Amino acid sequence: MVTRQQVSRDIALMELTPGLKQTPRRYDPRYYNLQGELGLTHQELRGIVVGLENKYRLTIPPEKIESISTVDNLIEYVVRMANQRI
């Protein structure tokens, strides 16, 4: 079973956003907007999504990516989709 903690750690360890990389245990994903506070470009967000798709062997449709606004939303979606496969 995939947990929120696993997905959160995987996102935090990605080297695309220095703030996440440096503080994987202290950030609260509920408060971080992917393209606002974190300032991710569309390409960086897509890089995170591809990394998660590869790790958890799932596909996140482009229209779903557009509707995911926070780190918490992304974590919840990945957990739900990964656990449906089990």
C-alpha atoms as a PDB file:
ATOM      1  CA  MET A   1       0.000   0.000   0.000  1.00  0.00           C
ATOM      2  CA  VAL A   2       1.309   3.431  -0.976  1.00  0.00           C
ATOM      3  CA  THR A   3       1.125   6.019   1.802  1.00  0.00           C
ATOM      4  CA  ARG A   4       0.935   9.811   1.831  1.00  0.00           C
ATOM      5  CA  GLN A   5       4.270   9.844   3.634  1.00  0.00           C
ATOM      6  CA  GLN A   6       5.985   7.869   0.841  1.00  0.00           C
ATOM      7  CA  VAL A   7       4.679  10.129  -1.914  1.00  0.00           C
ATOM      8  CA  SER A   8       5.431  13.254   0.116  1.00  0.00           C
ATOM      9  CA  ARG A   9       9.012  12.083   0.651  1.00  0.00           C
ATOM     10  CA  ASP A  10       9.428  11.284  -3.034  1.00  0.00           C
ATOM     11  CA  ILE A  11       8.271  14.753  -4.024  1.00  0.00           C
ATOM     12  CA  ALA A  12      10.464  16.363  -1.370  1.00  0.00           C
ATOM     13  CA  LEU A  13      13.556  14.536  -2.581  1.00  0.00           C
ATOM     14  CA  MET A  14      13.158  15.608  -6.200  1.00  0.00           C
ATOM     15  CA  GLU A  15      15.838  18.091  -7.085  1.00  0.00           C
ATOM     16  CA  LEU A  16      13.588  20.410  -9.068  1.00  0.00           C
ATOM     17  CA  THR A  17      12.730  22.693  -6.150  1.00  0.00           C
ATOM     18  CA  PRO A  18      15.496  23.513  -3.661  1.00  0.00           C
ATOM     19  CA  GLY A  19      13.041  24.357  -0.860  1.00  0.00           C
ATOM     20  CA  LEU A  20      11.525  20.900  -1.008  1.00  0.00           C
ATOM     21  CA  LYS A  21      14.881  19.176  -1.320  1.00  0.00           C
ATOM     22  CA  GLN A  22      16.329  20.914   1.728  1.00  0.00           C
ATOM     23  CA  THR A  23      13.381  20.444   4.069  1.00  0.00           C
ATOM     24  CA  PRO A  24      11.654  17.152   3.262  1.00  0.00           C
ATOM     25  CA  ARG A  25      10.366  16.650   6.789  1.00  0.00           C
ATOM     26  CA  ARG A  26       9.392  20.187   7.710  1.00  0.00           C
ATOM     27  CA  TYR A  27       7.189  21.383   4.883  1.00  0.00           C
ATOM     28  CA  ASP A  28       3.431  21.149   5.189  1.00  0.00           C
ATOM     29  CA  PRO A  29       2.066  20.273   1.748  1.00  0.00           C
ATOM     30  CA  ARG A  30      -1.366  21.676   2.474  1.00  0.00           C
ATOM     31  CA  TYR A  31      -0.017  25.208   2.249  1.00  0.00           C
ATOM     32  CA  TYR A  32       2.129  25.032  -0.868  1.00  0.00           C
ATOM     33  CA  ASN A  33       0.652  25.943  -4.218  1.00  0.00           C
ATOM     34  CA  LEU A  34       2.623  24.188  -6.944  1.00  0.00           C
ATOM     35  CA  GLN A  35       2.923  27.117  -9.297  1.00  0.00           C
ATOM     36  CA  GLY A  36       2.353  29.939  -6.795  1.00  0.00           C
ATOM     37  CA  GLU A  37       4.441  29.737  -3.644  1.00  0.00           C
ATOM     38  CA  LEU A  38       6.771  27.111  -5.074  1.00  0.00           C
ATOM     39  CA  GLY A  39       7.032  28.935  -8.378  1.00  0.00           C
ATOM     40  CA  LEU A  40       7.223  25.754 -10.433  1.00  0.00           C
ATOM     41  CA  THR A  41       7.110  26.224 -14.161  1.00  0.00           C
ATOM     42  CA  HIS A  42       4.842  23.998 -16.196  1.00  0.00           C
ATOM     43  CA  GLN A  43       7.928  22.050 -17.293  1.00  0.00           C
ATOM     44  CA  GLU A  44       9.122  21.531 -13.691  1.00  0.00           C
ATOM     45  CA  LEU A  45       5.659  20.400 -12.618  1.00  0.00           C
ATOM     46  CA  ARG A  46       5.584  17.978 -15.533  1.00  0.00           C
ATOM     47  CA  GLY A  47       8.991  16.663 -14.417  1.00  0.00           C
ATOM     48  CA  ILE A  48       7.617  15.920 -10.957  1.00  0.00           C
ATOM     49  CA  VAL A  49       4.565  14.233 -12.450  1.00  0.00           C
ATOM     50  CA  VAL A  50       6.685  12.076 -14.773  1.00  0.00           C
ATOM     51  CA  GLY A  51       8.865  11.056 -11.836  1.00  0.00           C
ATOM     52  CA  LEU A  52       5.810  10.024  -9.839  1.00  0.00           C
ATOM     53  CA  GLU A  53       4.283   8.230 -12.821  1.00  0.00           C
ATOM     54  CA  ASN A  54       7.470   6.220 -13.283  1.00  0.00           C
ATOM     55  CA  LYS A  55       7.906   5.440  -9.587  1.00  0.00           C
ATOM     56  CA  TYR A  56       4.308   4.346  -9.003  1.00  0.00           C
ATOM     57  CA  ARG A  57       3.619   2.985 -12.496  1.00  0.00           C
ATOM     58  CA  LEU A  58       0.593   5.115 -13.180  1.00  0.00           C
ATOM     59  CA  THR A  59      -0.521   7.749 -15.672  1.00  0.00           C
ATOM     60  CA  ILE A  60      -1.776  11.168 -14.681  1.00  0.00           C
ATOM     61  CA  PRO A  61      -3.799  12.678 -17.550  1.00  0.00           C
ATOM     62  CA  PRO A  62      -2.817  16.216 -18.624  1.00  0.00           C
ATOM     63  CA  GLU A  63      -6.270  17.569 -17.732  1.00  0.00           C
ATOM     64  CA  LYS A  64      -5.845  16.209 -14.199  1.00  0.00           C
ATOM     65  CA  ILE A  65      -2.445  17.866 -13.870  1.00  0.00           C
ATOM     66  CA  GLU A  66      -4.059  21.206 -14.716  1.00  0.00           C
ATOM     67  CA  SER A  67      -6.621  20.750 -11.921  1.00  0.00           C
ATOM     68  CA  ILE A  68      -4.032  19.854  -9.249  1.00  0.00           C
ATOM     69  CA  SER A  69      -3.053  23.089  -7.543  1.00  0.00           C
ATOM     70  CA  THR A  70      -1.288  22.098  -4.323  1.00  0.00           C
ATOM     71  CA  VAL A  71       1.290  19.564  -3.257  1.00  0.00           C
ATOM     72  CA  ASP A  72      -1.348  18.008  -1.010  1.00  0.00           C
ATOM     73  CA  ASN A  73      -3.722  17.548  -3.975  1.00  0.00           C
ATOM     74  CA  LEU A  74      -0.943  15.853  -5.939  1.00  0.00           C
ATOM     75  CA  ILE A  75      -0.041  13.557  -3.041  1.00  0.00           C
ATOM     76  CA  GLU A  76      -3.677  12.583  -2.495  1.00  0.00           C
ATOM     77  CA  TYR A  77      -4.210  11.836  -6.177  1.00  0.00           C
ATOM     78  CA  VAL A  78      -1.074   9.691  -6.486  1.00  0.00           C
ATOM     79  CA  VAL A  79      -1.895   7.738  -3.318  1.00  0.00           C
ATOM     80  CA  ARG A  80      -5.465   7.109  -4.479  1.00  0.00           C
ATOM     81  CA  MET A  81      -4.453   6.028  -7.989  1.00  0.00           C
ATOM     82  CA  ALA A  82      -1.511   3.868  -6.849  1.00  0.00           C
ATOM     83  CA  ASN A  83      -3.626   2.072  -4.263  1.00  0.00           C
ATOM     84  CA  GLN A  84      -6.416   1.390  -6.763  1.00  0.00           C
ATOM     85  CA  ARG A  85      -3.946  -0.684  -8.754  1.00  0.00           C
ATOM     86  CA  ILE A  86      -3.133  -2.919  -5.796  1.00  0.00           C
END
